C-alpha atoms as a PDB file:
ATOM      1  CA  UNK A   1       0.000   0.000   0.000  1.00  0.00           C
ATOM      2  CA  UNK A   2       1.292   3.455  -0.864  1.00  0.00           C
ATOM      3  CA  UNK A   3       1.837   6.098   1.803  1.00  0.00           C
ATOM      4  CA  UNK A   4       2.244   9.849   1.672  1.00  0.00           C
ATOM      5  CA  UNK A   5       3.639  12.293   4.229  1.00  0.00           C
ATOM      6  CA  UNK A   6       0.792  14.496   5.471  1.00  0.00           C
ATOM      7  CA  UNK A   7       0.398  17.344   7.942  1.00  0.00           C
ATOM      8  CA  UNK A   8      -0.633  15.806  11.294  1.00  0.00           C
ATOM      9  CA  UNK A   9      -0.567  18.787  13.651  1.00  0.00           C
ATOM     10  CA  UNK A  10      -0.226  22.544  13.473  1.00  0.00           C
ATOM     11  CA  UNK A  11      -0.054  25.213  16.147  1.00  0.00           C
ATOM     12  CA  UNK A  12      -0.640  28.489  14.316  1.00  0.00           C
ATOM     13  CA  UNK A  13       0.619  31.834  15.683  1.00  0.00           C
ATOM     14  CA  UNK A  14       2.301  30.525  18.837  1.00  0.00           C
ATOM     15  CA  UNK A  15       4.049  33.344  20.710  1.00  0.00           C
ATOM     16  CA  UNK A  16       7.530  32.615  22.077  1.00  0.00           C
ATOM     17  CA  UNK A  17       7.372  33.152  25.833  1.00  0.00           C
ATOM     18  CA  UNK A  18      11.052  32.528  26.518  1.00  0.00           C
ATOM     19  CA  UNK A  19      14.323  31.136  25.181  1.00  0.00           C
ATOM     20  CA  UNK A  20      16.894  29.085  27.077  1.00  0.00           C
ATOM     21  CA  UNK A  21      20.314  28.715  25.438  1.00  0.00           C
ATOM     22  CA  UNK A  22      21.862  26.528  28.154  1.00  0.00           C
ATOM     23  CA  UNK A  23      19.782  23.454  27.396  1.00  0.00           C
ATOM     24  CA  UNK A  24      20.239  20.345  25.242  1.00  0.00           C
ATOM     25  CA  UNK A  25      17.848  21.592  22.594  1.00  0.00           C
ATOM     26  CA  UNK A  26      14.129  21.338  21.880  1.00  0.00           C
ATOM     27  CA  UNK A  27      10.901  23.311  22.100  1.00  0.00           C
ATOM     28  CA  UNK A  28       8.891  23.254  25.314  1.00  0.00           C
ATOM     29  CA  UNK A  29       5.142  23.499  24.697  1.00  0.00           C
ATOM     30  CA  UNK A  30       2.313  23.784  27.244  1.00  0.00           C
ATOM     31  CA  UNK A  31       0.849  20.277  27.713  1.00  0.00           C
ATOM     32  CA  UNK A  32      -2.694  21.541  27.074  1.00  0.00           C
ATOM     33  CA  UNK A  33      -1.579  22.997  23.729  1.00  0.00           C
ATOM     34  CA  UNK A  34       0.219  19.747  22.915  1.00  0.00           C
ATOM     35  CA  UNK A  35      -2.932  17.754  23.640  1.00  0.00           C
ATOM     36  CA  UNK A  36      -5.088  20.085  21.528  1.00  0.00           C
ATOM     37  CA  UNK A  37      -2.658  19.793  18.626  1.00  0.00           C
ATOM     38  CA  UNK A  38      -2.178  16.023  19.008  1.00  0.00           C
ATOM     39  CA  UNK A  39       1.558  16.385  19.710  1.00  0.00           C
ATOM     40  CA  UNK A  40       3.594  13.945  21.798  1.00  0.00           C
ATOM     41  CA  UNK A  41       6.709  14.344  23.955  1.00  0.00           C
ATOM     42  CA  UNK A  42       9.885  13.925  21.885  1.00  0.00           C
ATOM     43  CA  UNK A  43       7.950  14.158  18.597  1.00  0.00           C
ATOM     44  CA  UNK A  44       9.816  15.763  15.698  1.00  0.00           C
ATOM     45  CA  UNK A  45       8.418  19.155  14.708  1.00  0.00           C
ATOM     46  CA  UNK A  46       9.203  21.790  12.125  1.00  0.00           C
ATOM     47  CA  UNK A  47       9.215  25.311  13.511  1.00  0.00           C
ATOM     48  CA  UNK A  48       8.675  28.343  11.258  1.00  0.00           C
ATOM     49  CA  UNK A  49       9.394  31.811  12.629  1.00  0.00           C
ATOM     50  CA  UNK A  50       7.123  34.415  11.023  1.00  0.00           C
ATOM     51  CA  UNK A  51       9.278  37.282  12.336  1.00  0.00           C
ATOM     52  CA  UNK A  52      12.606  36.339  10.788  1.00  0.00           C
ATOM     53  CA  UNK A  53      11.878  33.517   8.331  1.00  0.00           C
ATOM     54  CA  UNK A  54      13.911  30.896  10.227  1.00  0.00           C
ATOM     55  CA  UNK A  55      12.803  27.303   9.650  1.00  0.00           C
ATOM     56  CA  UNK A  56      14.201  24.438  11.712  1.00  0.00           C
ATOM     57  CA  UNK A  57      13.520  20.998  13.161  1.00  0.00           C
ATOM     58  CA  UNK A  58      13.575  20.023  16.809  1.00  0.00           C
ATOM     59  CA  UNK A  59      11.612  17.831  19.199  1.00  0.00           C
ATOM     60  CA  UNK A  60       8.849  18.591  21.683  1.00  0.00           C
ATOM     61  CA  UNK A  61       9.211  18.686  25.455  1.00  0.00           C
ATOM     62  CA  UNK A  62       6.038  18.765  27.536  1.00  0.00           C
ATOM     63  CA  UNK A  63       5.540  22.003  29.458  1.00  0.00           C
ATOM     64  CA  UNK A  64       3.378  22.759  32.472  1.00  0.00           C
ATOM     65  CA  UNK A  65      -0.347  22.463  31.671  1.00  0.00           C
ATOM     66  CA  UNK A  66      -2.038  25.850  31.442  1.00  0.00           C
ATOM     67  CA  UNK A  67       1.195  27.832  31.502  1.00  0.00           C
ATOM     68  CA  UNK A  68       0.880  28.823  27.808  1.00  0.00           C
ATOM     69  CA  UNK A  69       4.643  28.279  27.502  1.00  0.00           C
ATOM     70  CA  UNK A  70       6.394  28.184  24.147  1.00  0.00           C
ATOM     71  CA  UNK A  71      10.120  28.050  24.929  1.00  0.00           C
ATOM     72  CA  UNK A  72      12.941  27.465  22.469  1.00  0.00           C
ATOM     73  CA  UNK A  73      15.843  25.648  24.092  1.00  0.00           C
ATOM     74  CA  UNK A  74      19.483  25.096  23.201  1.00  0.00           C
ATOM     75  CA  UNK A  75      20.694  26.063  19.720  1.00  0.00           C
ATOM     76  CA  UNK A  76      17.117  26.751  18.553  1.00  0.00           C
ATOM     77  CA  UNK A  77      16.987  29.612  21.045  1.00  0.00           C
ATOM     78  CA  UNK A  78      19.257  31.545  18.674  1.00  0.00           C
ATOM     79  CA  UNK A  79      16.550  31.426  15.983  1.00  0.00           C
ATOM     80  CA  UNK A  80      13.857  33.369  17.839  1.00  0.00           C
ATOM     81  CA  UNK A  81      13.315  35.817  20.627  1.00  0.00           C
ATOM     82  CA  UNK A  82      10.552  36.375  23.148  1.00  0.00           C
ATOM     83  CA  UNK A  83       7.452  37.653  21.360  1.00  0.00           C
ATOM     84  CA  UNK A  84       8.216  36.081  17.973  1.00  0.00           C
ATOM     85  CA  UNK A  85       5.323  34.351  16.232  1.00  0.00           C
ATOM     86  CA  UNK A  86       5.791  30.688  15.298  1.00  0.00           C
ATOM     87  CA  UNK A  87       4.040  27.973  13.383  1.00  0.00           C
ATOM     88  CA  UNK A  88       4.771  24.506  14.779  1.00  0.00           C
ATOM     89  CA  UNK A  89       4.078  21.560  12.470  1.00  0.00           C
ATOM     90  CA  UNK A  90       4.308  17.771  12.643  1.00  0.00           C
ATOM     91  CA  UNK A  91       3.701  15.153   9.976  1.00  0.00           C
ATOM     92  CA  UNK A  92       2.610  11.518   9.682  1.00  0.00           C
ATOM     93  CA  UNK A  93       2.824   8.818   7.029  1.00  0.00           C
ATOM     94  CA  UNK A  94      -0.726   8.054   5.892  1.00  0.00           C
ATOM     95  CA  UNK A  95      -2.003   5.288   3.613  1.00  0.00           C
ATOM     96  CA  UNK A  96      -3.288   6.753   0.360  1.00  0.00           C
ATOM     97  CA  UNK A  97      -6.559   4.885   0.976  1.00  0.00           C
ATOM     98  CA  UNK A  98      -7.073   6.909   4.165  1.00  0.00           C
ATOM     99  CA  UNK A  99      -6.523  10.363   2.653  1.00  0.00           C
ATOM    100  CA  UNK A 100     -10.201  11.094   2.013  1.00  0.00           C
ATOM    101  CA  UNK A 101     -10.799  10.972   5.791  1.00  0.00           C
ATOM    102  CA  UNK A 102      -7.526  12.609   6.881  1.00  0.00           C
ATOM    103  CA  UNK A 103      -7.775  15.759   8.985  1.00  0.00           C
ATOM    104  CA  UNK A 104      -4.835  17.328  10.752  1.00  0.00           C
ATOM    105  CA  UNK A 105      -5.248  18.835  14.213  1.00  0.00           C
ATOM    106  CA  UNK A 106      -4.905  22.586  13.690  1.00  0.00           C
ATOM    107  CA  UNK A 107      -5.143  25.067  16.517  1.00  0.00           C
ATOM    108  CA  UNK A 108      -4.904  28.822  16.223  1.00  0.00           C
ATOM    109  CA  UNK A 109      -3.680  30.923  19.122  1.00  0.00           C
ATOM    110  CA  UNK A 110      -4.234  34.509  20.200  1.00  0.00           C
ATOM    111  CA  UNK A 111      -1.491  36.847  21.437  1.00  0.00           C
ATOM    112  CA  UNK A 112      -1.586  35.150  24.891  1.00  0.00           C
ATOM    113  CA  UNK A 113      -1.254  31.589  23.485  1.00  0.00           C
ATOM    114  CA  UNK A 114      -4.920  30.829  24.171  1.00  0.00           C
ATOM    115  CA  UNK A 115      -6.796  28.712  21.634  1.00  0.00           C
ATOM    116  CA  UNK A 116      -9.195  30.674  19.466  1.00  0.00           C
END
């Protein structure tokens, strides 16, 4: 059976709340936002910075539920600053036969990282 790489999850307009250079590397995301976007700890994500055009890959670390945290850690912290607007995307391999029913989890955030 043939498979295709499809968008699985998207957090649209996430606001960076902090950066932490002295860390192994990753993006920390509020657990409630992770759950809404169907993201899992250590899952690979693509991060797109709307402010400076940076695009990079990293993995997700679960943040405190309800804290609205979006924190870039380690080397990724050099690619954004507090207040930058990000899109966070993950993908999944999907059988072509399942594409007609495929729907990614997409959440849009306001300027306080609350779901709209």
